[in-house]
Amino acid sequence: MKGRIAVLGHLKDQTASALIEDGQLVDLLIDAPGEAPVPGSIYRAITERPVKGQGGIFLRLPGGEKAYLRQAKGLAPGEALLVMVTGFGEDGKATPVTPKVLFKSKYAIVTPDAPGLNISRSIRDDDLRDELMVIAHEEMEGSEAGLILRSACATASAVDIAEDIAAMRALADQIATDAEGAEPELLMEGPNAHHMAWREWDVDEVATDDAAFDNHQVLDLIETFTRAYAPLPGGGHLFIEPTRALIAVDVNTGKDMSLAAGLKANLAMAKDLPRQLRIRGLGGQITLDLAPMPKKDRKMFEQSLRAQLRKDAVDTVLAGWTPLGCYELQRKRERLPLKLLLPAGVL
């Protein structure tokens, strides 16, 4: 199986999408079970009590769900506020939200709170940028909202881009008119696994037939990510083990006994780590217990890790080295762990 293939299907009653590149599972999206707020959903929320000493405030969502907003300056209890869900809340904790809502599609992002017309920096052709800016001005004329044209515009038709901008602008205008109210309400549901795949993945082929998951051995590929052990190119391997406090990643050289074995294993881990964390749905505090390597090689490792994480859509902060020689990361909890998403008995 050569090329990038988006496989769209279902795991029992849950919508699921798998991105496969040259036979390797690159990304996996599975809709969360239940009715928990989905990232990207937009709500009219009602402010409740502030959290003293932390600067945040709790919000009330429909059905008695609680949300938490980190910055509550100028807010008083009982106010209606337009917010967007940014991630899944941990067990027993409120859903994280932001007042900076945006309307994101395949080609366009409308930003009501950030005026200005912008084009992805990955589009470098000056003539194309000029053409896109003309379309942006035409479609956003008279609007105070901002617009970002995404990198996918580089290969899209002018008609498709214009229609996408118009749809997102109309949606933003509609949500703005529904912002006022005395009760919390879901105004826009976040994208499901199939919508996210269409919006975020650039692929050569899309498989949607009933047997797509079987034809592409998706379940076999998923099963390898339910184990702690993961092999690395070159003979090394790693173990990824979530605990309640943090995610522990242990890197080993395997049978390689050469002087550069530690560095090679650590560089291989750095290349594969974003994929491992993305598919496993892991976030929060991450501690890397690296294979032994000289201190002079630490800079090379950091540069490699930073370059790989820069390509990943999930925000990850490189916190640095610990006194014991481990390396720490802080990754946004944008997804639920794979073990919580997989329906019982599906593997």
Protein backbone atom coordinates (compact mmCIF):
# COMPACT_ATOMS: atom_id res chain seq x y z
CA MET A 1 0.00 0.00 0.00
CA LYS A 2 1.93 3.01 -1.27
CA GLY A 3 0.88 6.60 -0.76
CA ARG A 4 -1.38 8.25 1.83
CA ILE A 5 -4.80 6.66 2.28
CA ALA A 6 -7.64 7.89 4.47
CA VAL A 7 -9.73 4.94 5.62
CA LEU A 8 -13.16 5.98 6.90
CA GLY A 9 -15.32 3.56 8.80
CA HIS A 10 -16.81 2.62 12.17
CA LEU A 11 -15.74 0.72 15.25
CA LYS A 12 -19.09 -0.67 16.33
CA ASP A 13 -21.21 2.50 16.77
CA GLN A 14 -18.29 4.95 16.85
CA THR A 15 -17.14 6.87 13.77
CA ALA A 16 -13.44 6.31 13.07
CA SER A 17 -10.80 7.42 10.54
CA ALA A 18 -7.33 6.00 9.97
CA LEU A 19 -4.53 7.65 8.02
CA ILE A 20 -2.16 5.11 6.49
CA GLU A 21 1.05 6.06 4.70
CA ASP A 22 3.01 3.36 2.87
CA GLY A 23 1.40 0.70 5.05
CA GLN A 24 2.11 2.49 8.34
CA LEU A 25 -0.57 3.94 10.61
CA VAL A 26 0.17 7.68 10.83
CA ASP A 27 -2.94 9.01 12.58
CA LEU A 28 -6.13 7.70 14.10
CA LEU A 29 -9.36 9.51 14.96
CA ILE A 30 -12.17 7.86 16.92
CA ASP A 31 -15.28 9.63 18.17
CA ALA A 32 -15.54 9.60 21.96
CA PRO A 33 -18.36 7.50 23.42
CA GLY A 34 -21.08 9.24 25.41
CA GLU A 35 -22.08 12.88 25.27
CA ALA A 36 -18.98 14.66 26.57
CA PRO A 37 -18.29 18.05 24.92
CA VAL A 38 -16.24 17.56 21.75
CA PRO A 39 -13.19 19.78 21.03
CA GLY A 40 -14.19 22.44 18.53
CA SER A 41 -17.77 22.67 19.83
CA ILE A 42 -19.06 26.19 20.48
CA TYR A 43 -21.36 26.91 23.41
CA ARG A 44 -23.22 29.75 24.96
CA ALA A 45 -22.04 29.22 28.54
CA ILE A 46 -23.09 30.90 31.77
CA THR A 47 -20.37 32.07 34.15
CA GLU A 48 -20.46 30.78 37.72
CA ARG A 49 -17.95 31.16 40.52
CA PRO A 50 -14.35 32.32 40.03
CA VAL A 51 -11.49 30.19 41.32
CA LYS A 52 -9.67 32.25 43.93
CA GLY A 53 -5.93 32.45 43.53
CA GLN A 54 -5.91 30.93 40.05
CA GLY A 55 -7.57 33.64 37.96
CA GLY A 56 -9.98 31.19 36.32
CA ILE A 57 -13.72 30.73 36.46
CA PHE A 58 -16.17 27.83 36.18
CA LEU A 59 -18.87 27.94 33.52
CA ARG A 60 -22.16 26.09 33.18
CA LEU A 61 -22.85 24.15 29.99
CA PRO A 62 -26.07 22.39 28.92
CA GLY A 63 -27.04 19.32 30.93
CA GLY A 64 -25.20 20.50 34.02
CA GLU A 65 -21.75 19.99 32.48
CA LYS A 66 -19.00 22.19 33.90
CA ALA A 67 -16.36 24.06 31.91
CA TYR A 68 -13.28 25.91 33.07
CA LEU A 69 -11.90 29.15 31.63
CA ARG A 70 -8.35 30.04 32.67
CA GLN A 71 -8.63 33.82 32.34
CA ALA A 72 -11.68 35.33 33.98
CA LYS A 73 -10.70 38.98 34.23
CA GLY A 74 -13.74 41.25 33.97
CA LEU A 75 -16.28 38.43 34.20
CA ALA A 76 -19.03 38.28 36.81
CA PRO A 77 -21.28 35.32 37.74
CA GLY A 78 -24.41 34.97 35.59
CA GLU A 79 -23.01 36.37 32.35
CA ALA A 80 -23.54 34.66 29.00
CA LEU A 81 -20.26 33.93 27.23
CA LEU A 82 -19.43 32.41 23.84
CA VAL A 83 -16.75 29.73 24.28
CA MET A 84 -15.13 26.93 22.31
CA VAL A 85 -14.04 23.59 23.74
CA THR A 86 -10.26 23.14 23.45
CA GLY A 87 -9.82 19.61 24.79
CA PHE A 88 -11.21 16.80 26.89
CA GLY A 89 -11.46 17.25 30.64
CA GLU A 90 -9.66 14.73 32.84
CA ASP A 91 -11.70 12.44 35.07
CA GLY A 92 -13.54 14.54 37.62
CA LYS A 93 -12.39 17.83 36.08
CA ALA A 94 -14.20 20.48 34.06
CA THR A 95 -13.96 20.76 30.27
CA PRO A 96 -11.33 23.33 29.17
CA VAL A 97 -12.68 26.16 27.01
CA THR A 98 -11.52 29.42 25.45
CA PRO A 99 -13.43 32.60 24.55
CA LYS A 100 -11.39 32.85 21.33
CA VAL A 101 -13.72 30.98 19.01
CA LEU A 102 -12.82 30.23 15.41
CA PHE A 103 -14.56 28.60 12.46
CA LYS A 104 -12.25 26.17 10.73
CA SER A 105 -12.70 24.32 7.47
CA LYS A 106 -10.43 22.69 4.91
CA TYR A 107 -9.33 25.91 3.24
CA ALA A 108 -10.38 28.75 5.51
CA ILE A 109 -10.41 29.75 9.17
CA VAL A 110 -12.64 32.68 10.14
CA THR A 111 -11.49 34.39 13.35
CA PRO A 112 -14.11 36.79 14.76
CA ASP A 113 -11.76 38.06 17.52
CA ALA A 114 -8.67 38.49 15.34
CA PRO A 115 -9.25 40.83 12.35
CA GLY A 116 -7.01 40.79 9.32
CA LEU A 117 -6.54 38.68 6.20
CA ASN A 118 -3.70 36.17 6.31
CA ILE A 119 -2.32 33.38 4.13
CA SER A 120 -0.41 30.32 5.31
CA ARG A 121 3.33 30.92 5.21
CA SER A 122 3.81 27.51 3.59
CA ILE A 123 2.35 29.03 0.40
CA ARG A 124 5.36 30.87 -1.02
CA ASP A 125 4.37 31.49 -4.64
CA ASP A 126 3.86 35.26 -4.88
CA ASP A 127 1.40 35.07 -7.77
CA LEU A 128 -0.71 32.50 -5.94
CA ARG A 129 -0.65 34.56 -2.76
CA ASP A 130 -1.89 37.57 -4.72
CA GLU A 131 -4.72 35.51 -6.22
CA LEU A 132 -5.72 34.18 -2.80
CA MET A 133 -5.68 37.65 -1.29
CA VAL A 134 -8.07 38.87 -3.99
CA ILE A 135 -10.47 36.03 -3.16
CA ALA A 136 -10.15 36.79 0.55
CA HIS A 137 -10.97 40.47 0.07
CA GLU A 138 -13.98 39.67 -2.11
CA GLU A 139 -15.48 37.09 0.26
CA MET A 140 -14.77 38.98 3.51
CA GLU A 141 -15.79 42.44 2.29
CA GLY A 142 -17.84 44.21 4.95
CA SER A 143 -16.93 41.76 7.72
CA GLU A 144 -15.00 42.73 10.85
CA ALA A 145 -13.82 39.15 11.36
CA GLY A 146 -10.39 37.93 10.37
CA LEU A 147 -9.50 35.19 7.90
CA ILE A 148 -6.66 32.69 7.55
CA LEU A 149 -6.28 30.80 4.30
CA ARG A 150 -4.73 27.39 4.99
CA SER A 151 -1.96 25.58 3.14
CA ALA A 152 -4.52 23.34 1.39
CA CYS A 153 -5.45 26.36 -0.74
CA ALA A 154 -2.25 25.79 -2.75
CA THR A 155 -3.88 22.97 -4.71
CA ALA A 156 -7.55 23.99 -4.54
CA SER A 157 -9.67 25.76 -7.13
CA ALA A 158 -10.68 29.38 -6.66
CA VAL A 159 -14.35 28.35 -6.62
CA ASP A 160 -13.85 25.83 -3.81
CA ILE A 161 -11.85 28.32 -1.73
CA ALA A 162 -14.45 31.06 -2.19
CA GLU A 163 -17.29 28.72 -1.24
CA ASP A 164 -15.40 27.58 1.85
CA ILE A 165 -14.78 31.15 3.00
CA ALA A 166 -18.41 32.09 2.41
CA ALA A 167 -19.66 29.09 4.38
CA MET A 168 -17.40 29.82 7.37
CA ARG A 169 -18.30 33.51 7.34
CA ALA A 170 -22.03 32.71 7.28
CA LEU A 171 -21.58 30.25 10.15
CA ALA A 172 -19.66 32.81 12.20
CA ASP A 173 -22.35 35.44 11.61
CA GLN A 174 -25.09 33.00 12.62
CA ILE A 175 -23.32 31.97 15.84
CA ALA A 176 -22.75 35.63 16.73
CA THR A 177 -26.49 36.29 16.60
CA ASP A 178 -27.13 33.35 18.95
CA ALA A 179 -24.54 34.39 21.53
CA GLU A 180 -26.99 36.21 23.80
CA GLY A 181 -29.27 34.23 26.08
CA ALA A 182 -30.02 33.38 29.68
CA GLU A 183 -29.41 29.64 29.45
CA PRO A 184 -26.43 27.59 28.26
CA GLU A 185 -26.78 26.10 24.77
CA LEU A 186 -24.77 24.12 22.25
CA LEU A 187 -24.49 26.40 19.21
CA MET A 188 -22.14 24.34 17.03
CA GLU A 189 -21.05 20.76 17.48
CA GLY A 190 -17.38 19.92 17.03
CA PRO A 191 -16.22 17.83 14.05
CA ASN A 192 -16.50 14.05 14.12
CA ALA A 193 -13.74 11.67 13.00
CA HIS A 194 -14.77 11.72 9.34
CA HIS A 195 -15.07 15.50 9.17
CA MET A 196 -11.68 15.91 10.85
CA ALA A 197 -10.09 13.54 8.34
CA TRP A 198 -11.54 15.53 5.42
CA ARG A 199 -10.47 18.81 6.99
CA GLU A 200 -6.96 17.97 8.16
CA TRP A 201 -5.53 15.17 6.02
CA ASP A 202 -3.96 15.57 2.59
CA VAL A 203 -4.31 12.15 0.96
CA ASP A 204 -3.94 10.36 -2.36
CA GLU A 205 -6.92 8.05 -1.84
CA VAL A 206 -10.02 7.77 0.34
CA ALA A 207 -11.53 4.37 1.23
CA THR A 208 -15.11 4.50 2.48
CA ASP A 209 -16.66 1.13 1.59
CA ASP A 210 -18.08 -1.14 4.30
CA ALA A 211 -15.02 -3.40 4.25
CA ALA A 212 -12.44 -0.57 4.19
CA PHE A 213 -11.11 -1.26 7.70
CA ASP A 214 -10.74 -4.97 6.91
CA ASN A 215 -9.19 -4.41 3.49
CA HIS A 216 -6.49 -2.16 4.94
CA GLN A 217 -5.91 -4.21 8.13
CA VAL A 218 -6.73 -1.17 10.26
CA LEU A 219 -7.59 -3.18 13.37
CA ASP A 220 -4.25 -5.01 13.21
CA LEU A 221 -2.43 -1.68 12.93
CA ILE A 222 -4.39 -0.23 15.86
CA GLU A 223 -3.69 -3.26 18.04
CA THR A 224 0.05 -2.53 18.08
CA PHE A 225 -0.64 0.81 19.77
CA THR A 226 -2.49 -0.81 22.66
CA ARG A 227 0.81 -2.31 23.88
CA ALA A 228 3.45 -0.46 25.89
CA TYR A 229 6.23 -1.84 23.67
CA ALA A 230 7.07 -0.19 20.36
CA PRO A 231 10.02 -1.15 18.10
CA LEU A 232 12.35 1.47 16.65
CA PRO A 233 14.31 1.41 13.37
CA GLY A 234 17.85 0.19 13.94
CA GLY A 235 16.96 -2.47 16.50
CA GLY A 236 16.09 -0.26 19.47
CA HIS A 237 12.72 -0.07 21.17
CA LEU A 238 10.74 1.97 23.64
CA PHE A 239 8.05 1.47 26.25
CA ILE A 240 5.28 4.05 26.65
CA GLU A 241 3.48 3.67 29.96
CA PRO A 242 0.85 6.16 31.16
CA THR A 243 0.52 6.69 34.92
CA ARG A 244 -1.87 8.98 36.74
CA ALA A 245 0.83 11.63 37.20
CA LEU A 246 2.73 11.45 33.90
CA ILE A 247 3.57 9.52 30.75
CA ALA A 248 6.81 7.55 31.11
CA VAL A 249 8.78 6.79 27.93
CA ASP A 250 11.72 4.39 28.33
CA VAL A 251 14.18 4.17 25.41
CA ASN A 252 16.43 1.12 24.95
CA THR A 253 19.16 0.31 22.41
CA GLY A 254 18.28 -3.37 22.07
CA LYS A 255 21.10 -5.54 20.78
CA ASP A 256 23.13 -2.62 19.41
CA MET A 257 26.30 -2.38 21.53
CA SER A 258 28.15 0.25 19.47
CA LEU A 259 29.42 3.52 20.98
CA ALA A 260 26.71 5.49 19.15
CA ALA A 261 23.89 3.09 20.03
CA GLY A 262 22.32 5.41 22.61
CA LEU A 263 22.28 8.43 20.32
CA LYS A 264 20.86 6.38 17.42
CA ALA A 265 18.06 4.99 19.57
CA ASN A 266 17.22 8.42 21.00
CA LEU A 267 17.11 10.02 17.55
CA ALA A 268 14.88 7.20 16.26
CA MET A 269 12.59 7.74 19.25
CA ALA A 270 12.46 11.50 18.60
CA LYS A 271 11.33 10.84 15.04
CA ASP A 272 8.58 8.41 16.02
CA LEU A 273 7.42 9.94 19.33
CA PRO A 274 4.84 12.42 17.89
CA ARG A 275 3.14 9.57 15.98
CA GLN A 276 3.13 7.33 19.04
CA LEU A 277 1.62 10.00 21.29
CA ARG A 278 -0.88 11.14 18.65
CA ILE A 279 -2.31 7.70 17.95
CA ARG A 280 -2.29 6.65 21.60
CA GLY A 281 -4.05 9.93 22.51
CA LEU A 282 -1.57 10.75 25.26
CA GLY A 283 -0.88 14.19 26.70
CA GLY A 284 0.06 16.03 29.85
CA GLN A 285 3.47 15.71 31.49
CA ILE A 286 5.81 13.35 29.60
CA THR A 287 9.15 12.13 30.92
CA LEU A 288 11.65 10.61 28.49
CA ASP A 289 14.10 8.17 30.11
CA LEU A 290 16.60 8.18 27.27
CA ALA A 291 19.20 5.61 26.30
CA PRO A 292 22.68 6.54 27.61
CA MET A 293 24.50 9.04 25.43
CA PRO A 294 27.27 11.65 25.95
CA LYS A 295 26.19 15.10 27.10
CA LYS A 296 27.74 16.57 23.96
CA ASP A 297 25.00 14.80 21.94
CA ARG A 298 22.12 16.36 23.88
CA LYS A 299 21.90 19.39 21.59
CA MET A 300 21.56 17.17 18.51
CA PHE A 301 18.80 15.21 20.21
CA GLU A 302 16.91 18.37 21.23
CA GLN A 303 17.12 19.79 17.71
CA SER A 304 15.77 16.56 16.24
CA LEU A 305 12.93 16.33 18.76
CA ARG A 306 11.97 19.98 18.29
CA ALA A 307 11.91 19.57 14.50
CA GLN A 308 9.62 16.53 14.70
CA LEU A 309 7.22 18.12 17.20
CA ARG A 310 7.01 21.25 15.05
CA LYS A 311 5.33 19.12 12.36
CA ASP A 312 2.73 17.81 14.81
CA ALA A 313 -0.62 19.54 15.17
CA VAL A 314 -0.81 19.06 18.96
CA ASP A 315 0.99 21.76 20.96
CA THR A 316 3.94 20.35 22.91
CA VAL A 317 6.32 22.35 25.10
CA LEU A 318 9.91 21.16 25.50
CA ALA A 319 10.55 21.69 29.22
CA GLY A 320 14.17 20.49 29.29
CA TRP A 321 16.52 18.19 31.15
CA THR A 322 16.10 16.91 34.70
CA PRO A 323 19.02 16.48 37.16
CA LEU A 324 18.88 12.72 36.52
CA GLY A 325 19.28 13.14 32.76
CA CYS A 326 15.67 12.60 31.72
CA TYR A 327 13.96 14.96 29.28
CA GLU A 328 10.52 16.44 30.02
CA LEU A 329 7.69 17.58 27.75
CA GLN A 330 4.29 19.13 28.38
CA ARG A 331 1.73 18.14 25.74
CA LYS A 332 -1.77 19.51 25.33
CA ARG A 333 -4.51 17.02 26.17
CA GLU A 334 -6.33 17.39 22.87
CA ARG A 335 -7.43 13.76 22.59
CA LEU A 336 -8.69 11.01 24.84
CA PRO A 337 -6.42 8.01 25.44
CA LEU A 338 -6.88 5.25 22.88
CA LYS A 339 -7.80 2.74 25.59
CA LEU A 340 -10.83 4.88 26.53
CA LEU A 341 -11.98 5.23 22.92
CA LEU A 342 -11.83 1.65 21.70
CA PRO A 343 -15.18 -0.15 22.07
CA ALA A 344 -15.07 -3.29 24.19
CA GLY A 345 -14.27 -6.42 22.18
CA VAL A 346 -13.36 -4.60 18.98
CA LEU A 347 -9.80 -6.01 18.96
